[in-house]
């Protein structure tokens, strides 16, 4: 069965990127094999779902190279409180003809993530 294993994000500022994902998704930094390149692995439910690769560049990536990654969310209110407390820019959208809503959160270096949640009926 095919499934998404992880997403790799290039970052200049690993501490800021780690804090963003810890705050919004509740991931925790964990073991990363001793590759010759520098990086960090962030775990969700004991799986390394976000790989951060340290890179050098002068500016943020332009929008559109990688638009966003989405995660399903079960408890909307606590997540919204974390988003607001972190001071991150966010926006809501509804998915037409469904009971799902979306929150897009904009983090360090132009990264954008989506949290999908069930809207109250």
C-alpha atoms as a PDB file:
ATOM      1  CA  UNK A   1       0.000   0.000   0.000  1.00  0.00           C
ATOM      2  CA  UNK A   2       1.357   3.385  -0.967  1.00  0.00           C
ATOM      3  CA  UNK A   3       1.357   6.121   1.692  1.00  0.00           C
ATOM      4  CA  UNK A   4       3.146   9.367   2.374  1.00  0.00           C
ATOM      5  CA  UNK A   5       6.172   8.710   4.576  1.00  0.00           C
ATOM      6  CA  UNK A   6       7.626  12.141   5.306  1.00  0.00           C
ATOM      7  CA  UNK A   7       8.222  15.619   3.970  1.00  0.00           C
ATOM      8  CA  UNK A   8      11.689  17.204   3.798  1.00  0.00           C
ATOM      9  CA  UNK A   9      12.017  20.944   4.219  1.00  0.00           C
ATOM     10  CA  UNK A  10      15.193  22.923   3.610  1.00  0.00           C
ATOM     11  CA  UNK A  11      15.766  25.495   6.341  1.00  0.00           C
ATOM     12  CA  UNK A  12      18.330  28.102   7.257  1.00  0.00           C
ATOM     13  CA  UNK A  13      17.040  28.442  10.817  1.00  0.00           C
ATOM     14  CA  UNK A  14      16.418  25.014  12.330  1.00  0.00           C
ATOM     15  CA  UNK A  15      15.514  26.253  15.840  1.00  0.00           C
ATOM     16  CA  UNK A  16      12.767  28.542  14.481  1.00  0.00           C
ATOM     17  CA  UNK A  17      11.424  25.831  12.173  1.00  0.00           C
ATOM     18  CA  UNK A  18      11.487  23.198  14.942  1.00  0.00           C
ATOM     19  CA  UNK A  19       9.669  25.550  17.335  1.00  0.00           C
ATOM     20  CA  UNK A  20       7.016  26.265  14.692  1.00  0.00           C
ATOM     21  CA  UNK A  21       6.241  22.595  14.065  1.00  0.00           C
ATOM     22  CA  UNK A  22       6.421  21.684  17.757  1.00  0.00           C
ATOM     23  CA  UNK A  23       4.000  24.466  18.596  1.00  0.00           C
ATOM     24  CA  UNK A  24       1.504  23.866  15.792  1.00  0.00           C
ATOM     25  CA  UNK A  25       1.637  20.065  15.383  1.00  0.00           C
ATOM     26  CA  UNK A  26       3.036  18.840  18.696  1.00  0.00           C
ATOM     27  CA  UNK A  27       5.904  17.019  16.994  1.00  0.00           C
ATOM     28  CA  UNK A  28       9.071  16.234  18.941  1.00  0.00           C
ATOM     29  CA  UNK A  29      12.617  16.171  17.693  1.00  0.00           C
ATOM     30  CA  UNK A  30      14.044  12.673  17.752  1.00  0.00           C
ATOM     31  CA  UNK A  31      16.728  10.367  16.446  1.00  0.00           C
ATOM     32  CA  UNK A  32      18.235  11.111  13.053  1.00  0.00           C
ATOM     33  CA  UNK A  33      20.757   8.715  11.522  1.00  0.00           C
ATOM     34  CA  UNK A  34      24.304  10.085  11.306  1.00  0.00           C
ATOM     35  CA  UNK A  35      24.102  11.343   7.727  1.00  0.00           C
ATOM     36  CA  UNK A  36      27.020  13.479   6.500  1.00  0.00           C
ATOM     37  CA  UNK A  37      24.613  16.413   5.978  1.00  0.00           C
ATOM     38  CA  UNK A  38      23.173  18.433   8.856  1.00  0.00           C
ATOM     39  CA  UNK A  39      19.519  18.177   9.751  1.00  0.00           C
ATOM     40  CA  UNK A  40      16.793  17.221  12.221  1.00  0.00           C
ATOM     41  CA  UNK A  41      13.934  14.733  12.256  1.00  0.00           C
ATOM     42  CA  UNK A  42      10.607  15.611  13.868  1.00  0.00           C
ATOM     43  CA  UNK A  43       8.385  12.805  15.069  1.00  0.00           C
ATOM     44  CA  UNK A  44       4.610  12.469  15.224  1.00  0.00           C
ATOM     45  CA  UNK A  45       3.243   9.280  16.799  1.00  0.00           C
ATOM     46  CA  UNK A  46       6.733   7.707  16.819  1.00  0.00           C
ATOM     47  CA  UNK A  47       7.248   8.333  13.084  1.00  0.00           C
ATOM     48  CA  UNK A  48       9.755  10.854  11.671  1.00  0.00           C
ATOM     49  CA  UNK A  49       7.277  12.713   9.451  1.00  0.00           C
ATOM     50  CA  UNK A  50       9.172  15.990   8.989  1.00  0.00           C
ATOM     51  CA  UNK A  51      12.819  16.023   7.990  1.00  0.00           C
ATOM     52  CA  UNK A  52      14.614  19.349   8.195  1.00  0.00           C
ATOM     53  CA  UNK A  53      17.693  19.776   6.059  1.00  0.00           C
ATOM     54  CA  UNK A  54      20.008  22.672   6.915  1.00  0.00           C
ATOM     55  CA  UNK A  55      20.831  24.827   3.931  1.00  0.00           C
ATOM     56  CA  UNK A  56      22.469  28.129   3.121  1.00  0.00           C
ATOM     57  CA  UNK A  57      20.629  30.685   1.012  1.00  0.00           C
ATOM     58  CA  UNK A  58      20.189  34.439   1.067  1.00  0.00           C
ATOM     59  CA  UNK A  59      16.365  34.593   0.937  1.00  0.00           C
ATOM     60  CA  UNK A  60      13.237  32.592   1.623  1.00  0.00           C
ATOM     61  CA  UNK A  61      12.065  30.257  -1.109  1.00  0.00           C
ATOM     62  CA  UNK A  62       9.669  31.945  -3.514  1.00  0.00           C
ATOM     63  CA  UNK A  63       6.053  30.800  -3.083  1.00  0.00           C
ATOM     64  CA  UNK A  64       4.960  27.940  -5.287  1.00  0.00           C
ATOM     65  CA  UNK A  65       8.007  25.660  -5.294  1.00  0.00           C
ATOM     66  CA  UNK A  66       6.374  23.687  -2.518  1.00  0.00           C
ATOM     67  CA  UNK A  67       2.973  25.049  -1.610  1.00  0.00           C
ATOM     68  CA  UNK A  68       1.988  23.264   1.610  1.00  0.00           C
ATOM     69  CA  UNK A  69       1.555  19.993   3.458  1.00  0.00           C
ATOM     70  CA  UNK A  70      -1.720  19.118   5.211  1.00  0.00           C
ATOM     71  CA  UNK A  71      -2.436  17.318   8.468  1.00  0.00           C
ATOM     72  CA  UNK A  72      -5.780  16.084   9.797  1.00  0.00           C
ATOM     73  CA  UNK A  73      -6.756  17.660  13.078  1.00  0.00           C
ATOM     74  CA  UNK A  74      -9.129  16.295  15.661  1.00  0.00           C
ATOM     75  CA  UNK A  75      -9.211  19.017  18.319  1.00  0.00           C
ATOM     76  CA  UNK A  76      -9.625  22.387  16.625  1.00  0.00           C
ATOM     77  CA  UNK A  77      -9.909  24.791  19.584  1.00  0.00           C
ATOM     78  CA  UNK A  78      -6.604  23.795  21.286  1.00  0.00           C
ATOM     79  CA  UNK A  79      -4.825  24.017  17.927  1.00  0.00           C
ATOM     80  CA  UNK A  80      -6.263  27.464  17.246  1.00  0.00           C
ATOM     81  CA  UNK A  81      -5.124  28.615  20.690  1.00  0.00           C
ATOM     82  CA  UNK A  82      -1.560  27.427  19.916  1.00  0.00           C
ATOM     83  CA  UNK A  83      -1.617  29.183  16.535  1.00  0.00           C
ATOM     84  CA  UNK A  84      -2.769  32.463  18.083  1.00  0.00           C
ATOM     85  CA  UNK A  85      -0.318  32.195  20.992  1.00  0.00           C
ATOM     86  CA  UNK A  86       2.535  31.667  18.540  1.00  0.00           C
ATOM     87  CA  UNK A  87       1.611  34.841  16.666  1.00  0.00           C
ATOM     88  CA  UNK A  88       1.579  33.058  13.311  1.00  0.00           C
ATOM     89  CA  UNK A  89      -0.408  34.416  10.370  1.00  0.00           C
ATOM     90  CA  UNK A  90      -3.312  32.110   9.507  1.00  0.00           C
ATOM     91  CA  UNK A  91      -6.469  31.995   7.425  1.00  0.00           C
ATOM     92  CA  UNK A  92      -9.616  29.871   7.402  1.00  0.00           C
ATOM     93  CA  UNK A  93     -11.326  28.229   4.451  1.00  0.00           C
ATOM     94  CA  UNK A  94     -14.173  25.760   4.089  1.00  0.00           C
ATOM     95  CA  UNK A  95     -13.951  22.791   1.751  1.00  0.00           C
ATOM     96  CA  UNK A  96     -17.103  23.103  -0.389  1.00  0.00           C
ATOM     97  CA  UNK A  97     -19.763  20.393  -0.117  1.00  0.00           C
ATOM     98  CA  UNK A  98     -18.103  18.827   2.945  1.00  0.00           C
ATOM     99  CA  UNK A  99     -18.132  19.214   6.710  1.00  0.00           C
ATOM    100  CA  UNK A 100     -14.392  20.032   6.657  1.00  0.00           C
ATOM    101  CA  UNK A 101     -12.651  23.284   7.332  1.00  0.00           C
ATOM    102  CA  UNK A 102      -9.063  24.292   6.700  1.00  0.00           C
ATOM    103  CA  UNK A 103      -6.662  26.526   8.552  1.00  0.00           C
ATOM    104  CA  UNK A 104      -3.541  27.574   6.670  1.00  0.00           C
ATOM    105  CA  UNK A 105      -0.671  28.643   8.936  1.00  0.00           C
ATOM    106  CA  UNK A 106       2.351  30.554   7.667  1.00  0.00           C
ATOM    107  CA  UNK A 107       5.610  29.877   9.477  1.00  0.00           C
ATOM    108  CA  UNK A 108       9.310  30.642   9.246  1.00  0.00           C
ATOM    109  CA  UNK A 109      11.007  30.992   5.871  1.00  0.00           C
ATOM    110  CA  UNK A 110       7.730  30.995   3.943  1.00  0.00           C
ATOM    111  CA  UNK A 111       6.619  27.495   4.992  1.00  0.00           C
ATOM    112  CA  UNK A 112       2.847  26.932   4.943  1.00  0.00           C
ATOM    113  CA  UNK A 113       0.927  24.076   6.526  1.00  0.00           C
ATOM    114  CA  UNK A 114      -2.738  23.177   6.431  1.00  0.00           C
ATOM    115  CA  UNK A 115      -4.741  21.728   9.288  1.00  0.00           C
ATOM    116  CA  UNK A 116      -8.037  20.112   8.288  1.00  0.00           C
ATOM    117  CA  UNK A 117     -10.785  19.791  10.877  1.00  0.00           C
ATOM    118  CA  UNK A 118     -14.438  18.807  11.091  1.00  0.00           C
ATOM    119  CA  UNK A 119     -16.694  21.843  11.250  1.00  0.00           C
ATOM    120  CA  UNK A 120     -19.560  21.738  13.717  1.00  0.00           C
ATOM    121  CA  UNK A 121     -22.837  20.934  11.987  1.00  0.00           C
END
